[in-house]
Amino acid sequence: MKYLLVLAVVLVAIWLWRKARREELQSRTPPPPPAPGTLEPPQAMLRCAHCGLHLPAADAVRGRDGTVYCSVAHRQAATH
């Protein structure tokens, strides 16, 4: 009987906590949508000639012949 009472108290406490949490989440205002034209256009993805990793064109390291690498270390490893 004692355990049943403890279980009932725990269940009521969980129910009250979840109810308060749900009300808190509902009272928050969602973030405003981004203004039109503020998103950057997608970047081209390039493949590293050494390891095959795909990375944005802006982050790519180019070799002398225009080959694309993900880092200077891979560019050096490919030339040696």
Protein backbone atom coordinates (compact mmCIF):
# COMPACT_ATOMS: atom_id res chain seq x y z
CA MET A 1 0.00 0.00 0.00
CA LYS A 2 2.88 2.31 0.85
CA TYR A 3 4.46 1.77 -2.59
CA LEU A 4 1.17 2.48 -4.34
CA LEU A 5 0.93 5.83 -2.56
CA VAL A 6 4.53 6.73 -3.50
CA LEU A 7 3.85 5.75 -7.11
CA ALA A 8 0.72 7.93 -7.19
CA VAL A 9 2.63 10.92 -5.80
CA VAL A 10 5.43 10.45 -8.37
CA LEU A 11 2.93 10.19 -11.23
CA VAL A 12 1.12 13.36 -10.12
CA ALA A 13 4.45 15.20 -9.85
CA ILE A 14 5.45 14.10 -13.36
CA TRP A 15 2.04 15.12 -14.72
CA LEU A 16 2.30 18.59 -13.14
CA TRP A 17 5.85 19.06 -14.41
CA ARG A 18 4.92 18.06 -17.97
CA LYS A 19 1.87 20.33 -17.89
CA ALA A 20 3.98 23.33 -16.81
CA ARG A 21 6.60 22.50 -19.44
CA ARG A 22 3.96 22.26 -22.18
CA GLU A 23 2.50 25.66 -21.19
CA GLU A 24 5.99 27.17 -21.17
CA LEU A 25 6.72 25.89 -24.66
CA GLN A 26 3.40 27.16 -25.98
CA SER A 27 3.97 30.63 -24.53
CA ARG A 28 7.25 31.08 -26.38
CA THR A 29 7.06 32.96 -29.64
CA PRO A 30 8.58 31.23 -32.65
CA PRO A 31 11.53 32.98 -34.31
CA PRO A 32 10.59 35.21 -37.23
CA PRO A 33 11.15 33.74 -40.70
CA PRO A 34 14.20 35.04 -42.56
CA ALA A 35 13.61 38.02 -44.78
CA PRO A 36 13.45 37.24 -48.51
CA GLY A 37 16.80 37.58 -50.21
CA THR A 38 18.87 37.16 -47.03
CA LEU A 39 19.69 33.49 -47.62
CA GLU A 40 22.91 32.77 -49.43
CA PRO A 41 22.66 30.78 -52.63
CA PRO A 42 23.88 27.17 -52.41
CA GLN A 43 27.57 26.60 -53.07
CA ALA A 44 29.03 24.09 -55.45
CA MET A 45 30.43 20.99 -53.74
CA LEU A 46 33.81 19.72 -54.91
CA ARG A 47 35.54 16.38 -54.31
CA CYS A 48 39.05 16.16 -52.84
CA ALA A 49 41.36 14.38 -55.29
CA HIS A 50 43.25 12.71 -52.43
CA CYS A 51 40.60 11.42 -50.00
CA GLY A 52 37.30 11.91 -51.82
CA LEU A 53 35.77 14.25 -49.23
CA HIS A 54 33.10 16.59 -50.61
CA LEU A 55 33.48 20.20 -49.48
CA PRO A 56 32.17 23.66 -50.46
CA ALA A 57 34.04 25.36 -53.28
CA ALA A 58 34.91 28.28 -50.99
CA ASP A 59 36.84 25.94 -48.63
CA ALA A 60 38.70 24.02 -51.34
CA VAL A 61 42.48 24.23 -51.80
CA ARG A 62 43.58 24.09 -55.42
CA GLY A 63 46.72 22.50 -56.75
CA ARG A 64 48.92 23.92 -59.52
CA ASP A 65 46.96 22.16 -62.24
CA GLY A 66 43.59 23.18 -60.75
CA THR A 67 43.04 19.90 -58.93
CA VAL A 68 40.87 20.31 -55.82
CA TYR A 69 42.00 19.21 -52.33
CA CYS A 70 40.38 19.54 -48.93
CA SER A 71 43.55 20.74 -47.18
CA VAL A 72 47.11 21.83 -47.80
CA ALA A 73 48.34 18.55 -46.30
CA HIS A 74 46.44 16.53 -48.91
CA ARG A 75 47.72 18.79 -51.68
CA GLN A 76 51.27 18.18 -50.48
CA ALA A 77 50.70 14.45 -50.09
CA ALA A 78 49.44 14.17 -53.65
CA THR A 79 52.52 15.91 -55.09
CA HIS A 80 55.01 13.68 -53.25
